[in-house]
Amino acid sequence: MITKMTGVLQRVLDDEARIQIGPLEYQVMVPEFVRRNIQDKLGQEITLHITEYLEGNPNQGRMVPRRIGFGAESELEFFELFCTVDKVGVKKALKALGRPIKEIAEAIQRQDHRWLSTLPGVGQATAEKIVATLRKKVTRFSLLPDSGDPAAPAAISGPVLTEVLDALMTLGMNPVEARSRLDKYLASGEPVTTAEDILPKLFHKA
């Protein structure tokens, strides 16, 4: 089993990276937060921590090996922990990790179902299962250093974020639309203090 790959980053697509190692080019699936971290490193040598799984239907006789890559071993460990939640398999976990794992771990610790339900593919019921399963297991991930991802939106405290998301959904947005609107604003780098300050600016930038 491959546990780490070091090679030249050739391409970054929506949910995968292509790594050149010698004469071979490898496909490595990556979650969104990893994609953001590596997208400006084309042509450079990078190292990814790897886990592998088989995709397909064994009854049909075709199983395709897949590799999933992470920038740090702690990210891989969090992914494997996330996959232990009932009905959250590899593909769903890969899609859900659109935010740095520190942020997700903090949301799990504070039992913020609303925040978790804004992750891709995670509804309210799944968010509740994530909290029930992982709340006592994610402390070390919540203590990791802040993400060095320059494209990641600015930090916002949990209570303020929840208040803003609640307000946007009260106005008719679904959880994913609300989170997308908030992320676009935060990516501008403008300071965030209270929900009352940010809400008018969100609609001004729409």
Protein backbone atom coordinates (compact mmCIF):
# COMPACT_ATOMS: atom_id res chain seq x y z
CA MET A 1 0.00 0.00 0.00
CA ILE A 2 1.28 3.47 -0.92
CA THR A 3 1.36 5.85 2.06
CA LYS A 4 3.19 8.86 0.60
CA MET A 5 3.91 10.19 -2.89
CA THR A 6 6.41 12.86 -3.92
CA GLY A 7 6.44 14.09 -7.49
CA VAL A 8 5.86 17.03 -9.82
CA LEU A 9 2.34 18.44 -9.90
CA GLN A 10 1.23 18.41 -13.54
CA ARG A 11 -2.48 19.24 -13.36
CA VAL A 12 -5.15 20.19 -10.83
CA LEU A 13 -8.75 19.41 -11.76
CA ASP A 14 -11.98 19.82 -9.80
CA ASP A 15 -11.46 16.83 -7.53
CA GLU A 16 -8.11 15.38 -8.49
CA ALA A 17 -4.43 16.11 -9.04
CA ARG A 18 -2.03 14.54 -11.51
CA ILE A 19 1.42 13.77 -10.09
CA GLN A 20 4.40 12.91 -12.31
CA ILE A 21 6.84 10.43 -10.75
CA GLY A 22 9.52 9.36 -13.19
CA PRO A 23 7.86 8.31 -16.47
CA LEU A 24 4.50 7.71 -14.78
CA GLU A 25 1.65 10.13 -14.09
CA TYR A 26 -0.66 9.24 -11.20
CA GLN A 27 -4.23 10.34 -10.55
CA VAL A 28 -4.77 11.34 -6.92
CA MET A 29 -8.21 12.35 -5.66
CA VAL A 30 -8.14 15.40 -3.37
CA PRO A 31 -10.78 17.15 -1.25
CA GLU A 32 -11.52 20.81 -1.94
CA PHE A 33 -9.35 22.26 0.83
CA VAL A 34 -6.32 20.32 -0.44
CA ARG A 35 -7.02 21.41 -4.03
CA ARG A 36 -6.92 25.05 -2.94
CA ASN A 37 -3.61 24.52 -1.18
CA ILE A 38 -1.86 23.00 -4.20
CA GLN A 39 -3.50 24.75 -7.16
CA ASP A 40 -0.73 27.37 -7.43
CA LYS A 41 2.09 24.79 -7.33
CA LEU A 42 1.91 23.51 -10.90
CA GLY A 43 5.33 22.34 -12.09
CA GLN A 44 6.63 22.10 -8.53
CA GLU A 45 7.47 19.02 -6.50
CA ILE A 46 4.90 18.27 -3.82
CA THR A 47 4.35 15.50 -1.29
CA LEU A 48 0.96 14.00 -0.53
CA HIS A 49 0.03 11.56 2.22
CA ILE A 50 -2.00 8.79 0.61
CA THR A 51 -4.80 6.41 1.43
CA GLU A 52 -6.19 3.92 -1.09
CA TYR A 53 -9.55 2.30 -1.72
CA LEU A 54 -11.30 0.28 -4.41
CA GLU A 55 -14.21 1.81 -6.29
CA GLY A 56 -16.79 -0.19 -8.22
CA ASN A 57 -19.12 -3.13 -7.97
CA PRO A 58 -17.40 -6.45 -7.23
CA ASN A 59 -20.46 -8.29 -8.56
CA GLN A 60 -19.76 -6.77 -11.98
CA GLY A 61 -16.12 -7.81 -11.84
CA ARG A 62 -14.62 -4.32 -12.17
CA MET A 63 -12.93 -2.63 -9.23
CA VAL A 64 -10.87 0.52 -9.87
CA PRO A 65 -8.07 1.43 -7.42
CA ARG A 66 -8.22 5.04 -6.22
CA ARG A 67 -5.75 7.13 -4.26
CA ILE A 68 -6.70 10.09 -2.05
CA GLY A 69 -4.05 12.65 -1.14
CA PHE A 70 -3.57 15.08 1.74
CA GLY A 71 -0.91 17.64 2.52
CA ALA A 72 -0.37 16.45 6.09
CA GLU A 73 -0.66 13.17 7.93
CA SER A 74 -3.10 14.75 10.41
CA GLU A 75 -5.45 15.59 7.52
CA LEU A 76 -5.40 11.97 6.38
CA GLU A 77 -6.09 10.78 9.93
CA PHE A 78 -9.07 13.14 10.21
CA PHE A 79 -10.43 11.89 6.89
CA GLU A 80 -10.23 8.28 8.06
CA LEU A 81 -11.98 9.24 11.30
CA PHE A 82 -14.67 11.10 9.36
CA CYS A 83 -15.33 7.96 7.33
CA THR A 84 -16.28 6.06 10.50
CA VAL A 85 -19.54 8.01 10.78
CA ASP A 86 -22.55 5.87 9.85
CA LYS A 87 -23.46 6.24 6.17
CA VAL A 88 -20.47 8.53 5.47
CA GLY A 89 -18.31 6.52 3.10
CA VAL A 90 -15.13 7.46 1.33
CA LYS A 91 -16.78 9.32 -1.56
CA LYS A 92 -19.13 11.30 0.68
CA ALA A 93 -16.30 12.22 3.06
CA LEU A 94 -14.11 13.30 0.15
CA LYS A 95 -16.87 15.61 -1.10
CA ALA A 96 -17.71 16.97 2.35
CA LEU A 97 -14.22 18.17 3.28
CA GLY A 98 -14.50 21.53 1.62
CA ARG A 99 -13.11 23.39 4.64
CA PRO A 100 -9.83 23.02 6.57
CA ILE A 101 -10.09 20.17 9.06
CA LYS A 102 -9.43 22.51 12.00
CA GLU A 103 -12.64 24.41 11.20
CA ILE A 104 -14.65 21.21 10.82
CA ALA A 105 -13.26 19.79 14.08
CA GLU A 106 -14.12 23.01 15.93
CA ALA A 107 -17.69 22.88 14.58
CA ILE A 108 -18.02 19.26 15.72
CA GLN A 109 -16.75 20.17 19.19
CA ARG A 110 -19.25 22.99 19.62
CA GLN A 111 -22.02 20.72 18.24
CA ASP A 112 -22.79 23.18 15.47
CA HIS A 113 -25.14 21.14 13.30
CA ARG A 114 -26.11 24.19 11.27
CA TRP A 115 -22.50 24.90 10.24
CA LEU A 116 -21.80 21.26 9.44
CA SER A 117 -24.93 21.03 7.26
CA THR A 118 -23.40 23.65 4.94
CA LEU A 119 -20.61 21.24 3.97
CA PRO A 120 -21.17 19.68 0.51
CA GLY A 121 -23.39 16.62 0.71
CA VAL A 122 -24.02 16.96 4.46
CA GLY A 123 -27.62 17.47 5.54
CA GLN A 124 -29.03 18.03 9.01
CA ALA A 125 -29.39 14.32 9.79
CA THR A 126 -25.81 13.56 8.73
CA ALA A 127 -24.53 16.57 10.70
CA GLU A 128 -26.17 15.17 13.83
CA LYS A 129 -24.54 11.78 13.25
CA ILE A 130 -21.14 13.43 12.76
CA VAL A 131 -21.43 15.27 16.07
CA ALA A 132 -22.72 12.22 17.96
CA THR A 133 -19.92 10.02 16.61
CA LEU A 134 -16.93 12.36 16.64
CA ARG A 135 -17.48 15.05 19.28
CA LYS A 136 -15.14 13.41 21.80
CA LYS A 137 -12.58 12.33 19.20
CA VAL A 138 -11.61 15.56 17.40
CA THR A 139 -9.93 17.62 20.13
CA ARG A 140 -6.41 17.23 18.75
CA PHE A 141 -7.57 18.28 15.28
CA SER A 142 -9.22 21.43 16.63
CA LEU A 143 -5.86 22.40 18.18
CA LEU A 144 -3.95 22.29 14.89
CA PRO A 145 -2.40 25.55 13.61
CA ASP A 146 -4.59 27.71 11.40
CA SER A 147 -4.56 26.76 7.72
CA GLY A 148 -1.83 28.34 5.64
CA ASP A 149 -4.13 28.28 2.61
CA PRO A 150 -3.98 31.79 1.13
CA ALA A 151 -7.25 31.19 -0.72
CA ALA A 152 -9.13 30.10 2.38
CA PRO A 153 -11.71 32.61 3.62
CA ALA A 154 -10.89 34.61 6.71
CA ALA A 155 -11.63 33.15 10.12
CA ILE A 156 -14.97 33.89 11.74
CA SER A 157 -16.07 32.87 15.20
CA GLY A 158 -18.50 30.00 15.48
CA PRO A 159 -21.36 31.95 17.10
CA VAL A 160 -21.17 34.79 14.56
CA LEU A 161 -20.98 32.36 11.65
CA THR A 162 -24.02 30.46 12.91
CA GLU A 163 -25.96 33.70 13.39
CA VAL A 164 -25.16 34.86 9.85
CA LEU A 165 -26.06 31.51 8.31
CA ASP A 166 -29.34 31.39 10.23
CA ALA A 167 -30.22 34.86 8.98
CA LEU A 168 -29.45 34.00 5.35
CA MET A 169 -31.53 30.82 5.53
CA THR A 170 -34.40 32.74 7.13
CA LEU A 171 -34.31 34.90 4.00
CA GLY A 172 -34.83 31.82 1.83
CA MET A 173 -31.36 30.47 1.03
CA ASN A 174 -30.55 26.80 1.47
CA PRO A 175 -27.51 25.93 3.66
CA VAL A 176 -25.09 25.51 0.73
CA GLU A 177 -26.15 28.81 -0.90
CA ALA A 178 -25.80 30.61 2.42
CA ARG A 179 -22.31 29.23 3.02
CA SER A 180 -21.24 30.07 -0.54
CA ARG A 181 -22.42 33.67 -0.16
CA LEU A 182 -20.59 34.00 3.14
CA ASP A 183 -17.38 32.42 1.82
CA LYS A 184 -17.25 34.84 -1.13
CA TYR A 185 -17.47 37.76 1.25
CA LEU A 186 -14.86 36.39 3.64
CA ALA A 187 -12.46 35.73 0.76
CA SER A 188 -12.29 39.49 0.22
CA GLY A 189 -10.36 39.76 3.49
CA GLU A 190 -12.68 42.34 5.01
CA PRO A 191 -12.89 42.22 8.82
CA VAL A 192 -15.76 40.39 10.49
CA THR A 193 -17.04 41.56 13.86
CA THR A 194 -20.76 40.95 14.33
CA ALA A 195 -23.59 39.48 12.28
CA GLU A 196 -25.22 42.92 12.15
CA ASP A 197 -22.12 44.34 10.48
CA ILE A 198 -21.71 41.65 7.86
CA LEU A 199 -25.29 41.00 6.69
CA PRO A 200 -25.81 44.32 4.82
CA LYS A 201 -22.41 43.88 3.13
CA LEU A 202 -23.30 40.37 1.99
CA PHE A 203 -26.24 41.67 0.01
CA HIS A 204 -24.33 44.71 -1.22
CA LYS A 205 -21.75 42.34 -2.80
CA ALA A 206 -24.34 39.98 -4.28
